[in-house]
Protein backbone atom coordinates (compact mmCIF):
# COMPACT_ATOMS: atom_id res chain seq x y z
CA MET A 1 40.84 120.73 -101.88
CA ASN A 2 42.47 122.75 -99.24
CA ASP A 3 45.20 124.30 -101.43
CA HIS A 4 42.80 125.27 -103.77
CA LEU A 5 40.66 127.34 -101.09
CA ALA A 6 43.94 128.81 -99.60
CA VAL A 7 44.56 130.43 -103.56
CA LEU A 8 41.12 131.39 -103.60
CA ALA A 9 41.03 133.17 -100.34
CA ALA A 10 44.25 135.15 -101.30
CA ALA A 11 42.58 136.09 -104.79
CA CYS A 12 39.86 137.08 -103.39
CA ALA A 13 41.12 139.24 -100.69
CA GLU A 14 43.61 140.91 -103.39
CA VAL A 15 40.37 142.18 -105.67
CA GLY A 16 38.18 142.70 -102.60
CA LEU A 17 35.64 139.72 -103.20
CA ASP A 18 33.93 137.67 -100.48
CA HIS A 19 35.02 134.02 -101.01
CA THR A 20 32.81 133.31 -97.91
CA ASN A 21 31.18 129.69 -98.29
CA ALA A 22 33.03 129.24 -101.86
CA GLU A 23 31.49 125.97 -102.89
CA PRO A 24 32.93 123.94 -105.55
CA ILE A 25 31.45 123.58 -108.92
CA ARG A 26 34.18 121.04 -110.83
CA LEU A 27 37.45 120.30 -109.45
CA GLY A 28 39.65 119.23 -112.39
CA GLU A 29 42.92 120.54 -114.11
CA ASN A 30 41.05 123.94 -113.50
CA ALA A 31 39.03 124.34 -109.83
CA LEU A 32 35.47 126.52 -110.55
CA PHE A 33 34.13 127.73 -107.45
CA ARG A 34 31.24 129.49 -106.89
CA LEU A 35 31.14 132.78 -105.33
CA PRO A 36 28.28 135.02 -102.93
CA GLY A 37 26.75 137.17 -104.86
CA GLY A 38 26.62 135.58 -109.02
CA VAL A 39 30.47 134.86 -109.33
CA VAL A 40 32.97 131.83 -110.47
CA ALA A 41 36.10 131.68 -109.71
CA ARG A 42 38.61 129.74 -111.95
CA ILE A 43 41.73 128.51 -110.68
CA ALA A 44 43.86 127.57 -113.57
CA ARG A 45 47.10 124.97 -113.02
CA SER A 46 50.11 125.97 -112.25
CA GLY A 47 51.88 127.79 -114.67
CA GLN A 48 49.34 129.20 -116.91
CA LEU A 49 49.30 133.00 -116.18
CA ALA A 50 49.62 133.97 -119.59
CA ALA A 51 47.18 131.54 -120.88
CA ALA A 52 44.46 132.76 -118.58
CA ALA A 53 45.54 136.67 -119.63
CA ARG A 54 44.83 135.97 -122.86
CA GLU A 55 41.23 134.47 -121.71
CA VAL A 56 39.95 137.12 -120.70
CA ARG A 57 41.06 138.90 -123.50
CA ILE A 58 39.49 136.74 -125.50
CA ALA A 59 36.36 137.03 -123.63
CA GLN A 60 36.51 140.46 -123.65
CA TRP A 61 36.66 140.82 -127.65
CA LEU A 62 33.85 138.10 -127.70
CA ALA A 63 31.47 140.40 -125.48
CA GLU A 64 32.53 143.49 -128.05
CA HIS A 65 31.25 141.05 -130.80
CA GLN A 66 28.01 140.06 -129.18
CA ILE A 67 28.71 137.10 -129.01
CA PRO A 68 27.07 135.28 -126.31
CA THR A 69 29.83 133.88 -123.71
CA VAL A 70 31.27 133.33 -120.34
CA ARG A 71 31.15 137.45 -119.43
CA VAL A 72 34.57 137.97 -117.27
CA LEU A 73 33.39 139.71 -113.97
CA LYS A 74 34.00 143.72 -115.00
CA ASP A 75 35.98 146.23 -112.53
CA ILE A 76 38.69 144.17 -111.63
CA THR A 77 42.23 143.30 -113.00
CA GLN A 78 43.03 140.06 -114.24
CA PRO A 79 44.04 137.05 -113.94
CA VAL A 80 45.13 136.95 -109.98
CA GLU A 81 48.47 135.29 -109.32
CA VAL A 82 48.84 133.63 -106.72
CA ASP A 83 51.91 130.65 -105.97
CA GLY A 84 52.05 130.18 -109.26
CA ARG A 85 48.47 130.21 -109.99
CA ALA A 86 46.06 131.82 -112.34
CA VAL A 87 42.85 133.15 -110.65
CA THR A 88 40.11 134.67 -112.95
CA PHE A 89 36.51 135.75 -111.98
CA TRP A 90 33.43 135.39 -114.17
CA GLU A 91 29.82 136.15 -113.94
CA GLU A 92 27.87 133.46 -113.07
CA LEU A 93 25.51 132.08 -115.86
CA PRO A 94 21.46 132.00 -115.49
CA PRO A 95 20.01 128.24 -115.34
CA HIS A 96 21.31 126.23 -118.40
CA ARG A 97 21.95 123.07 -120.07
CA ASN A 98 23.95 121.26 -122.37
CA GLY A 99 24.08 122.71 -125.52
CA THR A 100 21.86 120.46 -128.52
CA PRO A 101 24.00 119.33 -131.72
CA ALA A 102 22.09 122.32 -133.43
CA GLU A 103 23.01 124.60 -130.75
CA VAL A 104 26.42 123.56 -131.08
CA ALA A 105 26.07 124.79 -134.54
CA THR A 106 24.83 127.97 -134.31
CA ALA A 107 27.69 129.18 -131.78
CA ILE A 108 30.12 128.37 -133.59
CA ARG A 109 28.91 129.55 -137.24
CA ARG A 110 29.03 132.91 -134.85
CA LEU A 111 32.28 132.85 -133.96
CA HIS A 112 34.18 131.18 -137.20
CA ASP A 113 32.62 134.11 -139.35
CA LEU A 114 34.25 136.47 -137.03
CA PRO A 115 37.02 138.30 -138.79
CA VAL A 116 40.92 137.35 -137.23
CA PRO A 117 41.12 140.06 -134.48
CA THR A 118 45.07 141.99 -134.89
CA ASP A 119 45.10 143.15 -131.35
CA ILE A 120 44.94 139.76 -129.62
CA ALA A 121 47.97 137.55 -130.03
CA LEU A 122 45.69 134.17 -130.29
CA GLY A 123 48.08 131.98 -131.91
CA ASN A 124 47.76 128.70 -134.32
CA LEU A 125 45.82 125.73 -133.72
CA ALA A 126 47.75 123.64 -131.49
CA PRO A 127 45.80 119.80 -131.51
CA PHE A 128 48.31 118.00 -130.18
CA VAL A 129 49.52 119.93 -126.75
CA ARG A 130 49.79 118.24 -123.78
CA LEU A 131 49.14 114.85 -125.35
CA ALA A 132 52.73 113.20 -124.88
CA GLU A 133 52.91 114.70 -121.29
CA ARG A 134 48.88 112.46 -120.63
CA ILE A 135 50.95 109.73 -122.65
CA ASP A 136 53.50 109.76 -119.61
CA ALA A 137 51.04 110.31 -117.37
CA ALA A 138 48.92 107.31 -117.66
CA THR A 139 50.86 104.73 -115.48
CA THR A 140 47.60 102.36 -115.61
CA LEU A 141 48.51 101.51 -118.78
CA THR A 142 50.97 98.97 -120.35
CA GLN A 143 54.16 99.78 -121.28
CA ALA A 144 53.19 98.38 -124.74
CA ASP A 145 50.19 100.18 -125.34
CA ARG A 146 52.34 103.54 -124.14
CA THR A 147 54.45 102.96 -127.08
CA TRP A 148 52.06 102.43 -129.58
CA LEU A 149 50.57 105.47 -128.52
CA SER A 150 53.70 107.58 -128.62
CA GLU A 151 54.05 106.27 -132.06
CA HIS A 152 50.84 106.92 -132.96
CA LEU A 153 51.10 110.50 -131.91
CA GLU A 154 54.15 110.87 -133.87
CA SER A 155 52.17 109.31 -136.79
CA LEU A 156 49.95 111.98 -136.43
CA GLN A 157 51.66 114.73 -136.37
CA GLY A 158 53.45 113.79 -139.07
CA ARG A 159 50.10 113.94 -140.57
CA TYR A 160 48.88 116.69 -139.48
CA ALA A 161 51.87 118.87 -141.60
CA SER A 162 50.17 118.05 -144.88
CA LEU A 163 46.66 118.77 -143.41
CA PRO A 164 44.20 118.90 -147.09
CA PRO A 165 43.17 122.61 -147.80
CA GLY A 166 39.60 122.96 -146.67
CA LEU A 167 37.37 125.82 -145.57
CA PRO A 168 39.11 129.01 -144.74
CA HIS A 169 41.37 129.31 -141.43
CA CYS A 170 39.81 131.69 -138.94
CA VAL A 171 38.72 132.10 -135.11
CA VAL A 172 38.37 128.71 -133.93
CA HIS A 173 36.84 127.28 -130.08
CA GLY A 174 39.34 124.48 -129.94
CA ASP A 175 37.15 122.37 -128.00
CA ALA A 176 33.49 122.87 -129.31
CA TRP A 177 31.55 119.99 -127.60
CA VAL A 178 28.12 120.57 -125.48
CA GLY A 179 29.61 120.34 -122.59
CA ASN A 180 31.72 123.79 -123.90
CA VAL A 181 27.91 125.39 -125.76
CA VAL A 182 25.09 126.01 -123.04
CA ALA A 183 21.31 127.00 -123.37
CA THR A 184 20.29 129.00 -120.68
CA ASP A 185 16.48 129.54 -119.87
CA ASP A 186 16.40 132.69 -121.10
CA GLY A 187 17.31 131.89 -124.24
CA GLN A 188 20.96 132.26 -125.42
CA VAL A 189 23.66 129.54 -126.69
CA VAL A 190 27.08 130.63 -124.59
CA LEU A 191 30.15 129.32 -125.17
CA LEU A 192 32.28 128.16 -122.77
CA ASP A 193 35.62 127.28 -121.52
CA LEU A 194 37.93 129.83 -124.48
CA GLU A 195 41.28 128.53 -123.06
CA ARG A 196 41.97 126.50 -126.67
CA CYS A 197 40.60 129.77 -128.73
CA SER A 198 43.14 130.25 -132.18
CA VAL A 199 43.31 130.56 -135.33
CA GLY A 200 43.21 127.26 -137.41
CA PRO A 201 41.00 125.15 -139.35
CA PRO A 202 37.25 125.16 -138.71
CA GLU A 203 36.48 121.73 -139.49
CA TRP A 204 39.00 121.07 -136.57
CA ASP A 205 35.34 122.37 -133.83
CA LEU A 206 33.28 120.27 -136.78
CA VAL A 207 34.67 117.00 -136.00
CA SER A 208 34.01 117.47 -132.16
CA THR A 209 30.49 116.99 -133.13
CA ALA A 210 30.71 114.30 -136.13
CA ILE A 211 32.18 111.70 -134.68
CA LYS A 212 30.32 111.51 -131.68
CA HIS A 213 27.99 110.22 -134.61
CA THR A 214 30.19 108.28 -136.84
CA SER A 215 32.50 107.11 -133.81
CA PHE A 216 30.56 106.26 -131.48
CA GLY A 217 26.96 106.53 -132.21
CA TRP A 218 26.11 109.77 -129.15
CA ILE A 219 24.08 111.27 -131.37
CA THR A 220 21.69 110.24 -134.42
CA ALA A 221 21.69 110.66 -137.31
CA ASP A 222 18.75 113.01 -137.58
CA ASP A 223 20.92 115.27 -134.70
CA TYR A 224 23.77 114.95 -137.15
CA ARG A 225 21.88 116.38 -139.93
CA ASP A 226 20.39 119.25 -137.83
CA PHE A 227 23.83 120.42 -136.62
CA CYS A 228 25.01 120.09 -140.43
CA ASP A 229 22.31 122.01 -141.94
CA ARG A 230 22.46 124.61 -139.25
CA TYR A 231 26.46 125.26 -139.88
CA GLY A 232 26.20 125.21 -143.33
CA HIS A 233 28.77 122.45 -143.90
CA ASP A 234 29.23 118.59 -143.66
CA VAL A 235 32.63 117.93 -142.29
CA ILE A 236 32.75 114.30 -143.16
CA THR A 237 32.72 115.12 -146.90
CA TRP A 238 36.35 116.78 -146.42
CA SER A 239 38.99 115.02 -147.67
CA GLY A 240 40.62 115.78 -144.14
CA PHE A 241 38.19 114.40 -141.82
CA ASP A 242 39.60 110.64 -140.89
CA LEU A 243 43.36 112.70 -139.81
CA LEU A 244 41.00 115.03 -137.56
CA ARG A 245 38.79 112.23 -136.42
CA ASP A 246 41.79 110.18 -135.15
CA VAL A 247 43.63 112.93 -133.33
CA ARG A 248 40.04 113.94 -131.46
CA GLU A 249 39.97 110.27 -130.88
CA LEU A 250 43.55 110.37 -129.33
CA ARG A 251 42.91 113.25 -127.46
CA MET A 252 39.71 111.72 -125.92
CA ALA A 253 41.35 108.69 -125.01
CA LEU A 254 44.29 109.91 -123.62
CA TYR A 255 42.38 112.36 -121.30
CA VAL A 256 40.57 109.18 -119.69
CA ALA A 257 43.83 107.27 -119.19
CA GLN A 258 45.49 110.09 -117.60
CA ARG A 259 42.51 110.05 -115.08
CA ALA A 260 42.91 106.55 -114.39
CA ALA A 261 45.92 106.80 -112.54
CA GLU A 262 43.81 108.58 -109.80
CA HIS A 263 40.29 107.78 -110.83
CA PRO A 264 40.62 103.75 -110.20
CA ARG A 265 36.69 103.13 -111.97
CA ALA A 266 38.46 105.30 -114.95
CA ARG A 267 40.87 102.45 -115.84
CA GLU A 268 38.60 100.04 -117.39
CA GLU A 269 37.33 102.26 -119.77
CA ALA A 270 40.53 103.59 -120.59
CA ALA A 271 42.04 100.20 -121.92
CA LEU A 272 39.08 100.04 -123.75
CA ARG A 273 39.65 103.13 -125.47
CA ILE A 274 42.94 102.44 -125.96
CA ALA A 275 42.12 98.62 -127.17
CA TYR A 276 39.72 100.38 -129.93
CA LEU A 277 42.30 102.71 -130.71
CA ARG A 278 44.53 99.70 -131.81
CA GLY A 279 41.85 98.55 -133.85
CA GLN A 280 40.11 95.41 -131.59
CA ALA A 281 36.81 96.64 -132.85
CA THR A 282 35.28 98.73 -135.85
CA ARG A 283 33.38 102.23 -135.33
CA PRO A 284 30.74 103.06 -134.15
CA TRP A 285 32.87 102.02 -130.74
CA ALA A 286 31.20 101.81 -127.56
CA TRP A 287 32.75 104.01 -125.41
CA THR A 288 31.09 105.65 -122.59
CA PRO A 289 30.59 108.88 -122.67
CA ALA A 290 31.40 110.75 -119.60
CA LEU A 291 33.74 109.97 -116.76
């Protein structure tokens, strides 16, 4: 955390913000700090300057289209680079809670209905980004599991090259789940974490909620029906659903497997998730929702 604080102090000094009594919100791959005056600072992992600049531009574009999302702090040039780390500054949200499945559907429907911008290099959806690195970092797993995961990843990449046709490609959020869609006390449904925003199949955003019901039983059939009704489509009926489901499940398993190297209480969950991926249980699987 001391390294984060040093980066934060330097970035705040450059743009004239006060970092006195900065309060950590979340320390993960990206570190978030609450600053005085309703400001949130986000420190990206090393080497992410271009990605941070892109996220700032996307947030500004969404604001221009009246899409409720996290707002970039105005009147400062960002991102700020400190020792290879990109720091961005955002307006703090009012009191809020995680969104419901129906609210997630509302938020991504608005996003998917936007025209693809011509002045932002959004890039194409990259569903396999950093997965090979996460397998390498999953040092608590057995070598047999890691070998299987690498082969499974290669198989999914091959299948994705022949993804069946579906809904027209559009701007997608890239990580649309209830933690990245929040409802504020003043009635707004707001998109967070625009890092994976890109152009791709809208089904990618829909699968995130669908598997909460079909793969894990974390939401009820009624919740999922509300989600489909609000969005206007049921992704489970699409022939490419199983493939995107498998990719999402792999991403979720590898996130925990990577964390297990530094967080011992995640090790049992990581081993369980990999065992289930390898066919040791039928869906819905008894995964713990968050670690």
